[in-house]
Protein backbone atom coordinates (compact mmCIF):
# COMPACT_ATOMS: atom_id res chain seq x y z
CA MET A 1 63.62 31.71 16.25
CA PRO A 2 63.34 28.27 14.61
CA VAL A 3 64.16 25.54 17.08
CA PHE A 4 66.82 23.92 14.91
CA ILE A 5 69.01 27.06 15.10
CA MET A 6 69.78 26.00 18.66
CA LEU A 7 71.64 22.93 17.44
CA GLY A 8 74.99 24.42 18.26
CA PHE A 9 74.17 23.86 21.91
CA ILE A 10 73.62 20.14 21.54
CA SER A 11 76.41 17.84 22.61
CA HIS A 12 76.55 15.36 19.78
CA ARG A 13 78.86 14.63 16.92
CA LEU A 14 79.50 17.52 14.55
CA THR A 15 78.36 15.71 11.45
CA SER A 16 74.97 15.03 12.99
CA ALA A 17 74.61 18.66 13.99
CA LEU A 18 75.45 19.68 10.43
CA ALA A 19 72.89 17.22 9.10
CA LEU A 20 70.20 18.79 11.26
CA VAL A 21 71.14 22.31 10.24
CA CYS A 22 71.18 21.26 6.60
CA ALA A 23 67.80 19.61 7.04
CA SER A 24 66.38 22.80 8.42
CA GLY A 25 67.39 24.86 5.43
CA PHE A 26 69.77 27.17 7.29
CA LEU A 27 73.02 25.86 5.82
CA PHE A 28 73.64 24.59 2.32
CA GLY A 29 76.40 22.75 0.50
CA CYS A 30 77.31 20.76 3.59
CA ALA A 31 76.30 17.28 2.45
CA THR A 32 78.75 14.61 1.41
CA PRO A 33 78.09 11.73 -0.97
CA LYS A 34 77.43 8.29 0.45
CA ASP A 35 80.57 6.21 0.78
CA PRO A 36 79.88 2.64 -0.34
CA ALA A 37 82.50 1.44 2.11
CA ALA A 38 80.45 2.87 4.95
CA THR A 39 77.97 0.02 4.57
CA THR A 40 80.52 -2.73 5.26
CA ASN A 41 79.84 -4.82 8.31
CA SER A 42 81.23 -3.38 11.53
CA ALA A 43 78.52 -4.74 13.79
CA ALA A 44 80.71 -7.29 15.53
CA SER A 45 83.40 -4.77 16.47
CA SER A 46 80.74 -2.34 17.65
CA ALA A 47 79.26 -4.99 19.89
CA VAL A 48 82.65 -5.76 21.43
CA SER A 49 83.35 -2.09 22.13
CA SER A 50 79.91 -1.53 23.61
CA VAL A 51 80.46 -4.20 26.27
CA ALA A 52 83.27 -2.17 27.87
CA ALA A 53 81.54 1.18 27.49
CA ILE A 54 79.81 3.42 29.99
CA LYS A 55 76.32 3.79 28.56
CA LEU A 56 74.04 6.75 29.09
CA ASN A 57 71.64 9.15 27.44
CA GLN A 58 73.99 10.79 24.93
CA LEU A 59 72.04 14.04 24.77
CA GLY A 60 71.69 14.63 28.50
CA PHE A 61 69.16 15.57 31.11
CA LEU A 62 66.92 18.27 32.46
CA PRO A 63 68.27 19.71 35.73
CA GLU A 64 65.62 18.06 37.94
CA SER A 65 65.36 14.75 36.09
CA ALA A 66 66.62 11.39 37.30
CA LYS A 67 70.05 10.62 35.83
CA TRP A 68 71.71 7.23 35.47
CA ALA A 69 74.51 5.50 33.60
CA VAL A 70 75.13 1.77 33.12
CA ILE A 71 78.65 0.62 33.96
CA PRO A 72 80.36 -2.67 32.99
CA ASP A 73 81.02 -5.06 35.85
CA VAL A 74 84.46 -3.75 36.77
CA SER A 75 86.23 -3.82 40.13
CA ALA A 76 85.71 -0.11 40.75
CA THR A 77 83.09 0.78 43.35
CA GLN A 78 82.84 4.53 42.74
CA PHE A 79 82.21 6.89 39.84
CA ARG A 80 82.87 10.58 39.32
CA ILE A 81 81.14 13.28 37.32
CA ILE A 82 83.65 15.51 35.54
CA ASN A 83 82.99 18.98 34.14
CA VAL A 84 84.23 18.91 30.54
CA ALA A 85 85.13 22.60 30.44
CA THR A 86 87.34 22.54 33.55
CA ASP A 87 88.13 18.82 34.04
CA ALA A 88 87.04 19.38 37.63
CA GLU A 89 85.44 16.58 39.61
CA ILE A 90 82.06 17.90 40.71
CA TYR A 91 80.43 14.77 42.14
CA THR A 92 81.46 11.37 43.47
CA GLY A 93 79.04 8.49 43.93
CA THR A 94 78.94 4.80 44.78
CA LEU A 95 78.20 2.27 42.07
CA SER A 96 75.44 -0.25 42.65
CA ALA A 97 76.21 -3.93 43.03
CA ALA A 98 76.50 -5.77 39.72
CA THR A 99 73.36 -7.52 38.47
CA TYR A 100 72.60 -9.64 35.44
CA TRP A 101 70.42 -8.69 32.45
CA ASP A 102 69.35 -11.74 30.49
CA ALA A 103 68.30 -9.66 27.47
CA SER A 104 71.95 -8.78 26.76
CA ASP A 105 73.75 -11.53 28.76
CA GLU A 106 75.62 -8.90 30.78
CA ARG A 107 76.44 -8.15 34.38
CA VAL A 108 76.40 -4.39 34.93
CA LYS A 109 76.44 -1.77 37.65
CA ARG A 110 74.54 1.50 37.74
CA ALA A 111 75.60 5.04 38.57
CA ASP A 112 72.93 7.39 39.93
CA PHE A 113 73.90 11.04 39.62
CA SER A 114 70.44 12.58 39.93
CA ASN A 115 71.83 15.04 42.48
CA VAL A 116 73.91 16.73 39.77
CA LYS A 117 71.67 19.57 38.62
CA THR A 118 73.93 22.45 37.57
CA PRO A 119 73.73 23.18 33.84
CA GLY A 120 76.86 22.26 31.96
CA GLU A 121 78.61 19.56 29.97
CA TYR A 122 79.92 16.51 31.78
CA VAL A 123 81.30 12.98 31.49
CA VAL A 124 81.05 9.97 33.79
CA ARG A 125 84.47 8.66 34.86
CA VAL A 126 85.16 5.21 36.31
CA ASP A 127 88.64 3.86 37.02
CA GLY A 128 89.71 1.31 34.43
CA LEU A 129 87.27 2.51 31.76
CA ALA A 130 87.25 5.18 29.09
CA ASP A 131 85.16 8.20 30.00
CA SER A 132 81.55 8.16 28.92
CA PHE A 133 80.30 10.21 26.01
CA SER A 134 79.76 13.78 27.14
CA PHE A 135 76.24 14.84 28.02
CA ARG A 136 74.53 18.11 28.83
CA ILE A 137 72.38 19.21 31.72
CA ALA A 138 70.14 22.02 30.48
CA ASP A 139 66.52 23.09 30.48
CA ASP A 140 66.39 22.90 26.66
CA VAL A 141 68.21 19.60 26.23
CA TYR A 142 65.30 17.84 24.45
CA ARG A 143 63.94 20.79 22.51
CA ALA A 144 65.71 20.09 19.22
CA LEU A 145 65.07 16.34 19.59
CA ASN A 146 61.34 16.93 19.87
CA ALA A 147 61.36 19.30 16.91
CA ALA A 148 63.34 16.90 14.72
CA SER A 149 61.12 13.94 15.64
CA ILE A 150 58.12 15.91 14.36
CA LYS A 151 59.91 17.25 11.30
CA ALA A 152 60.75 13.66 10.36
CA PHE A 153 57.07 13.37 9.39
CA TYR A 154 57.53 16.33 7.03
CA PHE A 155 60.46 14.52 5.43
CA ASN A 156 58.14 11.53 4.89
CA ARG A 157 55.37 13.55 3.22
CA ASN A 158 53.64 11.99 0.25
CA SER A 159 52.44 14.21 -2.65
CA ALA A 160 54.86 17.02 -1.80
CA ALA A 161 57.98 18.54 -3.21
CA LEU A 162 60.37 19.21 -0.34
CA LEU A 163 61.85 22.61 -1.12
CA PRO A 164 65.38 23.69 -0.16
CA GLU A 165 64.10 26.47 2.08
CA HIS A 166 62.40 23.85 4.26
CA ALA A 167 64.39 20.67 3.62
CA GLY A 168 67.92 21.95 3.00
CA VAL A 169 70.10 19.27 1.43
CA TYR A 170 67.24 16.79 1.73
CA ALA A 171 65.11 18.68 -0.79
CA ARG A 172 63.47 16.47 -3.40
CA PRO A 173 60.91 16.72 -6.21
CA LEU A 174 57.28 15.79 -5.72
CA GLY A 175 56.61 12.07 -5.69
CA HIS A 176 53.35 10.15 -5.75
CA PRO A 177 50.79 12.88 -6.38
CA ASP A 178 48.11 10.22 -5.76
CA THR A 179 45.50 12.19 -7.67
CA HIS A 180 44.95 9.21 -10.00
CA VAL A 181 44.43 6.17 -7.78
CA LEU A 182 42.51 3.08 -8.89
CA VAL A 183 39.94 1.19 -6.85
CA HIS A 184 41.30 -2.35 -6.55
CA PRO A 185 38.83 -5.21 -7.17
CA SER A 186 39.01 -6.05 -3.46
CA ALA A 187 37.65 -2.56 -2.68
CA ALA A 188 35.03 -2.42 -5.43
CA SER A 189 31.40 -1.50 -4.77
CA SER A 190 28.42 -0.69 -6.95
CA ALA A 191 29.10 3.02 -6.50
CA ARG A 192 32.83 2.61 -7.12
CA PRO A 193 33.49 -0.44 -9.31
CA ALA A 194 36.98 -1.80 -9.87
CA GLY A 195 39.10 0.60 -11.88
CA THR A 196 37.29 3.72 -10.67
CA VAL A 197 39.75 6.59 -10.42
CA ILE A 198 39.79 8.53 -7.15
CA SER A 199 42.04 11.24 -5.74
CA SER A 200 43.79 10.52 -2.43
CA PRO A 201 46.79 12.84 -2.07
CA LYS A 202 48.85 13.90 0.94
CA GLY A 203 49.56 11.65 3.91
CA TRP A 204 52.88 10.26 5.12
CA TYR A 205 54.86 7.40 3.71
CA ASP A 206 54.35 4.75 6.33
CA ALA A 207 57.90 3.58 6.94
CA GLY A 208 60.89 2.77 4.77
CA ASP A 209 58.52 2.17 1.84
CA TYR A 210 56.26 4.51 -0.15
CA ASN A 211 52.83 3.16 0.75
CA LYS A 212 50.15 4.55 3.07
CA TYR A 213 48.19 2.48 5.59
CA ILE A 214 45.17 3.62 7.59
CA VAL A 215 45.71 1.23 10.51
CA ASN A 216 49.25 2.40 11.20
CA SER A 217 48.31 6.00 10.51
CA GLY A 218 45.74 5.61 13.27
CA ILE A 219 48.07 5.20 16.24
CA ALA A 220 50.72 7.52 14.77
CA THR A 221 48.31 10.40 14.11
CA TYR A 222 46.60 9.98 17.47
CA SER A 223 49.93 10.11 19.31
CA LEU A 224 50.76 13.48 17.74
CA LEU A 225 47.30 14.82 18.51
CA ALA A 226 47.56 13.57 22.10
CA ALA A 227 51.00 15.13 22.51
CA TYR A 228 49.52 18.51 21.63
CA GLU A 229 46.30 17.99 23.60
CA HIS A 230 48.21 16.99 26.75
CA PHE A 231 51.19 19.36 26.54
CA PRO A 232 50.26 22.36 24.37
CA GLU A 233 52.84 24.58 26.06
CA ILE A 234 55.63 22.57 24.41
CA PHE A 235 54.28 23.20 20.91
CA ASN A 236 52.49 26.55 20.82
CA GLN A 237 55.61 28.59 20.03
CA GLN A 238 57.52 25.85 18.23
CA GLN A 239 58.61 26.71 14.68
CA LEU A 240 59.65 23.73 12.56
CA ASN A 241 60.34 25.56 9.29
CA ILE A 242 57.70 23.64 7.36
CA PRO A 243 55.65 25.31 4.59
CA GLU A 244 52.76 26.04 6.97
CA SER A 245 54.87 27.64 9.71
CA GLY A 246 53.53 31.00 10.86
CA ASP A 247 49.88 30.36 9.93
CA ALA A 248 48.50 30.67 13.50
CA ILE A 249 48.19 26.89 13.88
CA PRO A 250 50.92 25.08 15.87
CA ASP A 251 53.27 23.28 13.53
CA VAL A 252 52.69 19.87 15.11
CA LEU A 253 49.01 20.23 14.18
CA ASN A 254 49.88 21.50 10.72
CA GLU A 255 51.97 18.40 10.16
CA THR A 256 49.24 16.17 11.55
CA LEU A 257 46.72 17.81 9.21
CA TRP A 258 48.76 16.68 6.23
CA ASN A 259 47.94 13.09 7.17
CA LEU A 260 44.41 13.74 8.42
CA GLU A 261 43.42 15.20 5.06
CA TRP A 262 44.69 12.07 3.34
CA MET A 263 42.81 9.87 5.78
CA LEU A 264 39.57 11.73 5.00
CA SER A 265 40.04 10.92 1.31
CA MET A 266 40.22 7.20 2.17
CA GLN A 267 36.59 7.11 3.32
CA ASP A 268 34.05 6.02 0.74
CA PRO A 269 31.48 8.85 0.78
CA HIS A 270 28.75 6.45 -0.38
CA ASP A 271 28.74 4.19 2.70
CA GLY A 272 31.25 5.47 5.30
CA GLY A 273 33.62 2.52 4.93
CA VAL A 274 37.36 3.14 4.90
CA TYR A 275 39.95 1.62 2.57
CA HIS A 276 42.67 -0.29 4.38
CA LYS A 277 45.61 1.07 2.41
CA LEU A 278 46.82 2.99 -0.63
CA THR A 279 49.66 1.11 -2.23
CA ASN A 280 51.64 -0.12 -5.19
CA LYS A 281 51.20 -3.77 -6.01
CA ARG A 282 54.79 -4.37 -4.89
CA PHE A 283 57.39 -2.50 -2.89
CA ASP A 284 59.53 -0.03 -4.80
CA GLY A 285 63.26 -0.49 -5.20
CA VAL A 286 65.88 1.77 -3.69
CA VAL A 287 64.73 4.91 -5.50
CA MET A 288 63.62 8.41 -4.57
CA PRO A 289 59.86 9.11 -4.42
CA HIS A 290 59.72 10.90 -7.78
CA GLU A 291 61.47 7.92 -9.39
CA ALA A 292 58.79 5.50 -8.15
CA THR A 293 56.03 5.55 -10.77
CA SER A 294 54.10 2.32 -10.26
CA GLU A 295 50.32 2.38 -10.49
CA ARG A 296 48.61 2.97 -7.13
CA PHE A 297 45.48 1.37 -5.69
CA VAL A 298 43.16 1.64 -2.72
CA VAL A 299 42.67 -1.86 -1.34
CA GLN A 300 39.74 -3.41 0.56
CA LYS A 301 37.60 -1.74 3.20
CA THR A 302 38.10 -3.26 6.65
CA THR A 303 36.59 -2.96 10.10
CA ALA A 304 39.98 -2.16 11.65
CA ALA A 305 40.54 0.69 9.20
CA ALA A 306 37.05 2.10 9.82
CA LEU A 307 37.46 2.00 13.60
CA ASP A 308 40.98 3.45 13.67
CA PHE A 309 39.75 6.18 11.31
CA ALA A 310 36.73 6.87 13.55
CA ALA A 311 38.91 7.15 16.66
CA VAL A 312 41.42 9.49 15.05
CA MET A 313 38.79 11.71 13.45
CA ALA A 314 36.88 12.03 16.72
CA ALA A 315 40.08 13.01 18.53
CA ALA A 316 41.09 15.41 15.75
CA SER A 317 37.65 17.01 15.81
CA ARG A 318 38.07 18.17 19.41
CA VAL A 319 41.78 19.06 19.15
CA LEU A 320 41.17 21.21 16.07
CA ALA A 321 37.92 22.78 17.32
CA PRO A 322 39.72 25.90 18.67
CA TYR A 323 41.02 26.58 15.13
CA GLU A 324 37.61 27.04 13.51
CA LYS A 325 38.67 30.43 12.12
CA GLN A 326 41.71 28.95 10.37
CA LEU A 327 39.96 25.67 9.45
CA PRO A 328 36.28 26.53 8.92
CA GLY A 329 34.06 23.48 9.16
CA MET A 330 36.94 21.04 9.62
CA SER A 331 36.11 19.98 13.18
CA ALA A 332 32.47 19.24 12.31
CA LYS A 333 33.50 17.44 9.12
CA MET A 334 35.83 15.16 11.07
CA LEU A 335 33.24 14.29 13.70
CA ALA A 336 30.69 13.49 11.00
CA ALA A 337 33.25 11.31 9.21
CA ALA A 338 34.03 9.53 12.48
CA GLU A 339 30.39 8.75 13.18
CA SER A 340 29.87 7.54 9.62
CA ALA A 341 32.87 5.19 9.88
CA TRP A 342 31.60 3.92 13.25
CA ALA A 343 28.21 3.14 11.75
CA TRP A 344 29.86 1.20 8.91
CA ALA A 345 31.95 -0.78 11.42
CA VAL A 346 28.92 -1.62 13.55
CA ALA A 347 27.17 -2.88 10.43
CA ASN A 348 30.31 -4.76 9.31
CA PRO A 349 31.91 -5.87 12.60
CA SER A 350 34.30 -8.54 11.33
CA VAL A 351 35.65 -7.57 7.93
CA ILE A 352 39.27 -8.69 8.37
CA TYR A 353 41.95 -7.63 5.92
CA LYS A 354 42.86 -10.39 3.46
CA GLN A 355 45.81 -9.69 1.21
CA PRO A 356 44.80 -9.99 -2.47
CA ASP A 357 46.98 -12.31 -4.54
CA ASP A 358 48.36 -9.46 -6.65
CA ILE A 359 49.25 -7.16 -3.71
CA LYS A 360 52.59 -7.84 -2.02
CA THR A 361 53.02 -4.82 0.28
CA GLY A 362 52.49 -4.52 4.06
CA GLU A 363 49.32 -6.02 5.48
CA TYR A 364 48.70 -4.59 8.97
CA GLY A 365 46.25 -7.42 9.35
CA ASP A 366 44.43 -7.71 12.67
CA ARG A 367 41.90 -10.40 13.55
CA GLU A 368 41.13 -9.13 17.07
CA LEU A 369 38.96 -6.00 16.92
CA VAL A 370 37.67 -5.60 20.49
CA ASP A 371 40.38 -3.03 21.19
CA GLU A 372 39.55 -0.99 18.06
CA PHE A 373 35.86 -0.90 18.97
CA PHE A 374 36.75 0.25 22.48
CA TRP A 375 39.13 2.99 21.30
CA ALA A 376 36.77 4.36 18.66
CA ALA A 377 33.83 4.40 21.09
CA ALA A 378 35.96 6.13 23.75
CA GLU A 379 37.05 8.94 21.42
CA LEU A 380 33.51 9.39 20.10
CA TYR A 381 32.12 9.50 23.65
CA ILE A 382 34.64 12.13 24.76
CA THR A 383 34.11 14.34 21.71
CA SER A 384 30.38 13.94 21.09
CA LYS A 385 29.40 13.49 24.77
CA LYS A 386 26.86 10.86 23.67
CA GLU A 387 26.59 8.26 26.42
CA THR A 388 25.58 5.55 23.94
CA TYR A 389 29.23 5.45 22.93
CA TYR A 390 30.31 4.88 26.54
CA THR A 391 27.93 1.93 26.73
CA ALA A 392 29.36 0.60 23.47
CA MET A 393 32.85 0.70 24.99
CA LYS A 394 31.96 -2.11 27.45
CA PRO A 395 34.73 -0.71 29.66
CA ALA A 396 34.50 -3.30 32.44
CA ASP A 397 35.57 -5.96 29.93
CA ILE A 398 38.61 -4.10 28.58
CA SER A 399 42.06 -4.38 30.14
CA SER A 400 45.03 -2.08 29.54
CA THR A 401 48.09 -2.99 27.48
CA VAL A 402 51.12 -1.21 26.05
CA PRO A 403 49.89 0.56 22.89
CA SER A 404 50.82 -0.78 19.48
CA TRP A 405 49.21 -0.61 16.05
CA GLY A 406 47.64 -4.01 16.66
CA ASP A 407 46.41 -3.30 20.19
CA VAL A 408 45.04 0.20 20.66
CA ARG A 409 42.83 -0.25 23.73
CA SER A 410 45.08 1.84 25.98
CA LEU A 411 44.77 4.81 23.65
CA GLY A 412 41.15 4.90 24.77
CA TRP A 413 42.14 4.67 28.43
CA ILE A 414 44.72 7.46 27.92
CA SER A 415 42.11 9.79 26.41
CA LEU A 416 39.55 8.95 29.09
CA ALA A 417 42.12 9.63 31.81
CA HIS A 418 43.06 12.97 30.29
CA HIS A 419 39.43 14.09 30.01
CA ARG A 420 38.21 12.51 33.25
CA ALA A 421 37.20 15.84 34.81
CA ASN A 422 34.81 16.57 31.94
CA LEU A 423 33.20 13.18 31.45
CA SER A 424 29.52 12.63 32.16
CA ALA A 425 28.27 10.80 35.24
CA VAL A 426 28.08 7.48 33.40
CA ALA A 427 31.89 7.25 33.27
CA ASP A 428 33.48 5.08 35.95
CA GLN A 429 36.30 7.32 37.19
CA GLN A 430 37.79 4.66 39.47
CA LEU A 431 37.91 2.11 36.66
CA ILE A 432 39.66 4.56 34.32
CA ALA A 433 42.36 5.33 36.90
CA ALA A 434 42.68 1.67 37.88
CA ARG A 435 43.33 0.53 34.31
CA ILE A 436 46.17 3.04 33.88
CA ASN A 437 47.67 2.49 37.32
CA ALA A 438 47.61 -1.30 37.14
CA LEU A 439 49.64 -1.45 33.94
CA ALA A 440 52.00 1.34 35.04
CA THR A 441 52.61 -0.42 38.37
CA ASP A 442 53.63 -3.60 36.55
CA LEU A 443 56.00 -1.63 34.30
CA GLN A 444 57.48 0.29 37.21
CA SER A 445 58.10 -2.96 39.04
CA VAL A 446 60.08 -4.27 36.06
CA TRP A 447 62.07 -1.03 35.97
CA ALA A 448 62.88 -1.24 39.68
CA GLY A 449 64.32 -4.74 39.29
CA SER A 450 66.11 -4.26 35.96
CA ALA A 451 69.89 -4.37 35.76
CA TYR A 452 69.73 -1.70 33.05
CA GLY A 453 67.00 0.26 34.82
CA VAL A 454 64.50 -0.16 31.99
CA THR A 455 60.96 -1.48 31.64
CA LEU A 456 61.87 -3.76 28.73
CA GLN A 457 62.01 -7.49 29.37
CA GLN A 458 63.36 -10.16 27.04
CA ASN A 459 59.98 -10.83 25.41
CA ASP A 460 59.53 -7.10 24.67
CA PHE A 461 62.28 -7.23 22.05
CA LYS A 462 59.95 -7.75 19.14
CA TRP A 463 59.73 -6.00 15.78
CA GLY A 464 59.90 -2.28 16.57
CA SER A 465 61.16 -2.81 20.12
CA ASN A 466 62.04 0.87 20.46
CA SER A 467 58.40 1.75 19.97
CA VAL A 468 57.56 -0.79 22.69
CA ALA A 469 59.96 1.07 24.99
CA LEU A 470 58.34 4.43 24.26
CA GLY A 471 54.83 2.96 24.40
CA GLN A 472 55.66 1.79 27.90
CA ALA A 473 56.86 5.31 28.69
CA MET A 474 53.54 6.75 27.47
CA VAL A 475 51.67 4.54 29.94
CA LEU A 476 53.99 5.56 32.78
CA VAL A 477 53.45 9.22 31.92
CA GLN A 478 49.69 8.75 32.31
CA ALA A 479 50.15 7.20 35.74
CA TYR A 480 52.34 10.10 36.84
CA ARG A 481 49.72 12.55 35.60
CA LEU A 482 47.07 10.69 37.59
CA ASN A 483 48.85 10.15 40.89
CA GLY A 484 52.00 12.31 40.89
CA LYS A 485 54.24 9.47 42.09
CA ARG A 486 57.76 10.37 41.05
CA GLU A 487 58.81 6.80 40.31
CA TYR A 488 56.48 6.76 37.30
CA LEU A 489 58.08 9.87 35.81
CA ASP A 490 61.54 8.45 36.48
CA SER A 491 60.60 5.18 34.75
CA ALA A 492 59.39 7.13 31.70
CA GLN A 493 62.63 9.12 31.70
CA ALA A 494 64.53 5.84 31.74
CA MET A 495 62.92 4.75 28.50
CA LEU A 496 63.82 8.02 26.79
CA ASP A 497 67.36 7.44 28.07
CA TYR A 498 67.22 3.95 26.59
CA VAL A 499 66.54 5.03 23.01
CA LEU A 500 69.12 7.83 23.33
CA GLY A 501 72.02 5.60 24.31
CA ARG A 502 71.59 3.84 27.66
CA ASN A 503 71.15 0.49 25.94
CA ALA A 504 73.23 -2.62 25.37
CA MET A 505 74.28 -1.42 21.90
CA ASP A 506 75.66 1.87 23.29
CA ILE A 507 73.95 3.78 20.48
CA SER A 508 71.37 6.50 20.10
CA PHE A 509 68.66 4.99 17.94
CA VAL A 510 67.55 8.46 16.74
CA THR A 511 69.25 9.55 13.52
CA GLY A 512 71.31 12.71 13.96
CA PHE A 513 71.21 12.73 17.77
CA GLY A 514 74.03 11.47 19.94
CA HIS A 515 77.76 10.92 19.61
CA LYS A 516 77.07 7.49 18.11
CA SER A 517 73.70 7.20 16.40
CA THR A 518 71.92 5.18 13.72
CA LEU A 519 73.50 5.98 10.35
CA HIS A 520 72.01 3.54 7.85
CA PRO A 521 68.26 3.18 8.49
CA HIS A 522 66.07 1.07 6.23
CA HIS A 523 64.46 4.12 4.65
CA ARG A 524 64.39 4.56 0.91
CA PRO A 525 64.97 8.34 0.75
CA SER A 526 67.85 8.17 3.24
CA GLU A 527 69.47 5.38 1.21
CA ALA A 528 68.76 6.67 -2.30
CA ASP A 529 69.56 10.38 -1.87
CA GLY A 530 73.35 10.07 -2.13
CA ILE A 531 73.87 11.99 1.12
CA ALA A 532 76.11 10.48 3.79
CA GLU A 533 74.04 11.49 6.81
CA PRO A 534 70.53 10.05 7.11
CA ILE A 535 67.57 12.39 7.42
CA PRO A 536 67.62 13.42 11.10
CA GLY A 537 64.97 12.75 13.71
CA PHE A 538 63.95 9.21 12.75
CA LEU A 539 63.78 6.45 15.37
CA ALA A 540 65.14 3.08 14.24
CA GLY A 541 63.05 0.01 15.01
CA GLY A 542 65.57 -1.44 17.44
CA PRO A 543 66.95 -4.79 18.54
CA GLN A 544 64.95 -7.97 18.16
CA PRO A 545 66.24 -11.53 17.91
CA GLY A 546 64.09 -12.69 14.99
CA GLN A 547 66.66 -11.46 12.44
CA GLN A 548 64.11 -12.07 9.66
CA ASP A 549 66.28 -10.15 7.22
CA GLN A 550 69.57 -12.04 7.71
CA SER A 551 69.27 -13.84 4.38
CA ASP A 552 68.78 -10.50 2.63
CA CYS A 553 71.81 -9.04 4.42
CA GLY A 554 74.12 -11.82 3.20
CA SER A 555 77.59 -11.49 4.69
CA VAL A 556 76.57 -8.47 6.76
CA LEU A 557 76.00 -10.19 10.08
CA TYR A 558 74.17 -9.29 13.25
CA PRO A 559 76.56 -8.91 16.20
CA SER A 560 74.57 -11.20 18.47
CA LYS A 561 71.44 -13.30 18.88
CA HIS A 562 70.75 -11.92 22.35
CA ALA A 563 67.53 -9.94 22.36
CA ALA A 564 68.98 -6.56 23.36
CA THR A 565 72.00 -6.73 21.04
CA SER A 566 70.33 -8.20 17.96
CA TYR A 567 70.56 -4.93 16.05
CA LEU A 568 72.21 -4.15 12.73
CA ASP A 569 72.81 -0.56 11.63
CA HIS A 570 72.64 -1.31 7.92
CA TRP A 571 70.21 -0.50 5.12
CA CYS A 572 69.54 -4.21 4.60
CA SER A 573 68.09 -4.63 8.08
CA TYR A 574 64.39 -3.96 7.76
CA ALA A 575 63.84 -6.19 10.83
CA SER A 576 65.85 -4.00 13.22
CA ASN A 577 66.70 -0.75 11.43
CA GLU A 578 63.60 0.40 9.56
CA ILE A 579 61.88 3.63 10.49
CA ALA A 580 58.09 3.95 10.80
CA ILE A 581 55.60 6.69 11.63
CA ASN A 582 54.17 4.69 14.54
CA TRP A 583 57.66 4.47 16.05
CA ASN A 584 58.40 8.17 15.69
CA ALA A 585 55.08 9.31 17.13
CA PRO A 586 55.71 8.09 20.71
CA LEU A 587 59.15 9.72 20.54
CA VAL A 588 57.34 13.01 19.90
CA TYR A 589 54.96 12.32 22.77
CA VAL A 590 57.52 11.18 25.34
CA SER A 591 60.10 13.89 24.60
CA ALA A 592 57.33 16.49 25.02
CA ALA A 593 55.98 14.86 28.19
CA ILE A 594 59.37 14.73 29.90
CA GLN A 595 59.92 18.43 29.16
CA ALA A 596 56.47 19.39 30.38
CA LEU A 597 56.28 17.23 33.50
CA THR A 598 59.79 17.25 34.96
CA PRO A 599 59.78 19.73 37.86
CA LYS A 600 61.50 23.03 37.18
CA PRO A 601 64.48 24.15 39.30
C-alpha cells in the first residue's frame, strides 16, 4: 500500500493532510485557489504567540525515543501528559529549572516525558498555559514524513511532466526539456566550441529556481544514496507513487537516478571535466516550469564540480551494483565516469568558478578544495579498493566538520565509517572513528547545555540553518552507529524535533507536516500554481539574522532580529524560507535513521 495512504493517522492539520493526499494522486478536486490576503504580514503576531506556547515535535515520537517539550518560564513546576481521547492524565513530571537561550533571547524550562511509551495521541499540559499541540506516539510516526521528503524531489523534477496519477493537484506540464542546451563561452573547448548544442535532460531543480548545479547536487544526491546504503530496510518496501514505482528498484534509488543521469550528461566526454551548472542567464519570474522558456547554457568546468561528481558517481556505482539486471552496465559506467573526473581534477587542481558577466544565477563558488579532494578520494577508495586513492586522501591532515555544500569532508568520513569493516589494511580505523567521535562529542556537549535542548548555537543560524541542524544530526547518527552511546541518538532526535516544531518560532518547517507549518515557501511552483497549500514535504531554509531579502519584502517584516526567530513565512523571503535539494536530503537521511536506529519496544 502506498505510504501516503496512511496520512489519516497523522496528527496534523486537516488541510495539510489533504494536501499530501492530493499530492499523492489519491484524491482530486480538493485544492483551493491561493488567497492573496494570505500573504499579508502576520509574522509579528506569530512571534508574540510563540513566546507563550509549549513547543514540541508536532508529529510525535517513536515509543522508545527521547521526548521533550520546551515550556515558557512560568511559575508552574510540573507538567502533565494528557490522553486526547479520554482527557485522562497519564503522566506527571517535574519541569527543569529555567535557563536562557541567547539565540532567541528567552528563558525556558524543559519537560522530559521519555517514559511515556504507550501508543496514542497526547498533549502536554502546564498550569497557566494553553495545551500543547497534540502529538502521536506510534511506531510509524515518521513514515509519511520520510516518504514526502523524498517525493519532494519528484515534485522538483526537471524535464518531466508531472501527471495527475502521480502528482494529484500538483500535476503540471513538462518544463525545460534541456535537450537543446548551449555551451557557454566560459565552458568552450576545441571539441565543444561556444554555441555547441548538447543534450542534458533530467535532474532536479536546485531550489526555488529552475536551474541545476552540480556542486549542490553532489551533497544532496550523496545524502539520498547514503540513506539507502545505511538503512535499506526503511526503503525496500516503500512505494512513493512515482512513475518508476514497482520496477524492482527501491523508489528512493529511482528518484536519485533521475538526478544521476543528468549529472552524467554534464561530463564532457572528450576530457572528463564537468560543467559547473546548467542555467538560464537570469532567474525566471514567478512562473510555472513550462512557462519559463529562456535559453539554457552549461557554464564553465570547475575543479569543485569534477570532484563532487567523482565522489557521487563512485558512491552511486557501489550502491547501484546490486541492480545490474535492472540497470545493465550502469555501475561500471559510473565508476569509469568518476575516475575520469578525478583525473581531470588532478590535472586541473584549482579551477575556481568565476561567474561570467552575462550569467546572474546562483554561483556555488568555492575557493577551498581540500575537502572535495578528500571526499572524492574516499569514495573512489571505498568503491574501487585502490589504495592509491587512500593515499591521495591525506587523511591525517583532514578534520571533521558539519557537512554543507561548501564543506564536504565529513561525507568522506561518514562513508569510511560505514564501510570500515571492509576497508583494506592501509585504512587507519582509529583515525576514522576519532574524526566522527570528536565532532559528535562537541555537538553532544552543546546539546547537553542548551536551554532548548538542541545542538544549534547562535553562529549556526546561517543561510539554510535547518540544514545545519540536520547536518549536525547526521554526524551524531554516525557516532551512535560507531559507539552505541544513547546520548548521540537522543541528540539526533532533538534536531529532528527542532525542525518539526520544538523551535523558537513554534512551527514545523516542513510543508504539510504539523499543526502549524510553513505555508509560503520561496519556491516558484508552489507560488505560481494557484493552489493554497504548498507542495508537501519541503524543508524551509530556516531562521537566520542576515535578513538579506528585507528590501525585497518591503512592508512584510521579520518578527525579530534574534538569530532563532529571524524567520519569515512568506514567498518574498528567499533568505529564510526558500527550499533546496541539499536541505531536503538530510531530512530524508535523519528521518530514516531515527526510524531504523531507535530501539524497538
